[in-house]
Amino acid sequence: MVKCTDEFSAWINKIDRSLRIRIDQRLQRLADGNPGLHKRFDDLLEVKWKTGAMGSFRIYCAEVDGVVLLIGGHKDTQSKDINKALELLNGVENGKTRIKDYE
């Protein structure tokens, strides 16, 4: 089961349709247990991939009763995105951050 935060929904909805299709395919593999190119630190999983001229994108997620997509970003905003993802994860774990099914 894949869930997401409002912050993730806002990020993904701003993305170009063709890139979103690629992201959704990658998220399906993640849900099936195959994270592909990733880095694990603390309780976060950073799923990353290069998209050619558009650079490297990242999705930060955690395993909390399934996969919870916390926030997405770009290599350029990686430090800020990690801090926000840790903040969101803390909110998910203590019930202060709302999560919903990812569609």
Protein backbone atom coordinates (compact mmCIF):
# COMPACT_ATOMS: atom_id res chain seq x y z
CA MET A 1 0.00 0.00 0.00
CA VAL A 2 1.33 3.43 -0.94
CA LYS A 3 0.25 6.56 0.89
CA CYS A 4 1.45 10.14 0.63
CA THR A 5 1.48 13.47 2.40
CA ASP A 6 -0.20 16.61 1.11
CA GLU A 7 3.29 17.99 0.44
CA PHE A 8 4.08 15.07 -1.86
CA SER A 9 0.76 15.48 -3.68
CA ALA A 10 1.45 19.17 -4.24
CA TRP A 11 4.93 18.41 -5.60
CA ILE A 12 3.87 15.60 -7.95
CA ASN A 13 0.93 17.61 -9.30
CA LYS A 14 3.34 20.35 -10.49
CA ILE A 15 5.43 17.89 -12.50
CA ASP A 16 5.22 17.55 -16.27
CA ARG A 17 2.91 14.70 -17.34
CA SER A 18 5.60 12.66 -19.12
CA LEU A 19 7.89 12.85 -16.10
CA ARG A 20 5.03 12.00 -13.76
CA ILE A 21 4.37 8.81 -15.76
CA ARG A 22 8.01 7.80 -15.26
CA ILE A 23 7.78 8.61 -11.55
CA ASP A 24 4.58 6.57 -11.19
CA GLN A 25 6.26 3.59 -12.88
CA ARG A 26 9.15 3.85 -10.47
CA LEU A 27 6.79 4.12 -7.51
CA GLN A 28 5.04 0.94 -8.63
CA ARG A 29 8.36 -0.90 -8.56
CA LEU A 30 9.02 0.59 -5.12
CA ALA A 31 5.63 -0.66 -3.88
CA ASP A 32 6.57 -4.11 -5.22
CA GLY A 33 9.74 -4.07 -3.11
CA ASN A 34 12.24 -2.87 -5.74
CA PRO A 35 13.53 0.62 -4.82
CA GLY A 36 16.12 0.70 -7.61
CA LEU A 37 18.80 3.38 -7.18
CA HIS A 38 18.40 4.56 -3.61
CA LYS A 39 20.09 5.52 -0.38
CA ARG A 40 18.83 4.58 3.06
CA PHE A 41 19.60 6.76 6.07
CA ASP A 42 17.95 7.11 9.44
CA ASP A 43 14.35 6.03 8.80
CA LEU A 44 14.24 7.59 5.32
CA LEU A 45 14.63 6.07 1.92
CA GLU A 46 15.90 8.43 -0.78
CA VAL A 47 14.85 7.08 -4.18
CA LYS A 48 16.73 8.85 -6.95
CA TRP A 49 17.07 8.84 -10.70
CA LYS A 50 18.44 10.98 -13.50
CA THR A 51 16.15 12.33 -16.17
CA GLY A 52 18.65 13.52 -18.73
CA ALA A 53 18.64 17.27 -19.28
CA MET A 54 16.29 17.81 -16.33
CA GLY A 55 18.87 16.54 -13.81
CA SER A 56 18.36 14.25 -10.84
CA PHE A 57 15.09 13.91 -8.97
CA ARG A 58 14.58 12.44 -5.52
CA ILE A 59 11.63 11.11 -3.59
CA TYR A 60 11.83 10.73 0.15
CA CYS A 61 9.71 8.04 1.71
CA ALA A 62 9.49 5.78 4.73
CA GLU A 63 8.02 2.44 5.64
CA VAL A 64 5.15 3.10 8.02
CA ASP A 65 2.37 0.54 7.53
CA GLY A 66 3.41 0.32 3.88
CA VAL A 67 5.23 3.00 1.92
CA VAL A 68 4.57 6.65 2.78
CA LEU A 69 5.74 9.17 0.19
CA LEU A 70 6.83 12.20 2.20
CA ILE A 71 8.18 14.74 -0.28
CA GLY A 72 9.80 14.96 -3.69
CA GLY A 73 12.51 17.23 -4.92
CA HIS A 74 15.52 17.84 -7.07
CA LYS A 75 19.25 17.42 -6.46
CA ASP A 76 19.50 21.20 -6.08
CA THR A 77 17.16 21.20 -3.05
CA GLN A 78 18.36 17.94 -1.51
CA SER A 79 19.43 19.26 1.93
CA LYS A 80 16.22 21.23 2.41
CA ASP A 81 14.12 18.28 1.19
CA ILE A 82 15.80 15.85 3.61
CA ASN A 83 15.10 18.13 6.56
CA LYS A 84 11.47 18.54 5.47
CA ALA A 85 11.11 14.77 4.96
CA LEU A 86 12.40 14.09 8.48
CA GLU A 87 9.95 16.67 9.85
CA LEU A 88 7.07 15.07 7.91
CA LEU A 89 8.08 11.57 9.03
CA ASN A 90 8.03 12.70 12.64
CA GLY A 91 4.55 14.14 12.04
CA VAL A 92 3.35 10.89 10.42
CA GLU A 93 4.67 8.82 13.31
CA ASN A 94 3.00 10.98 15.96
CA GLY A 95 -0.24 11.49 14.02
CA LYS A 96 0.18 15.20 13.30
CA THR A 97 0.80 14.86 9.54
CA ARG A 98 -2.13 13.67 7.47
CA ILE A 99 -1.53 10.91 4.92
CA LYS A 100 -3.81 9.64 2.20
CA ASP A 101 -3.80 6.97 -0.50
CA TYR A 102 -1.52 7.79 -3.39
CA GLU A 103 -3.40 7.82 -6.69
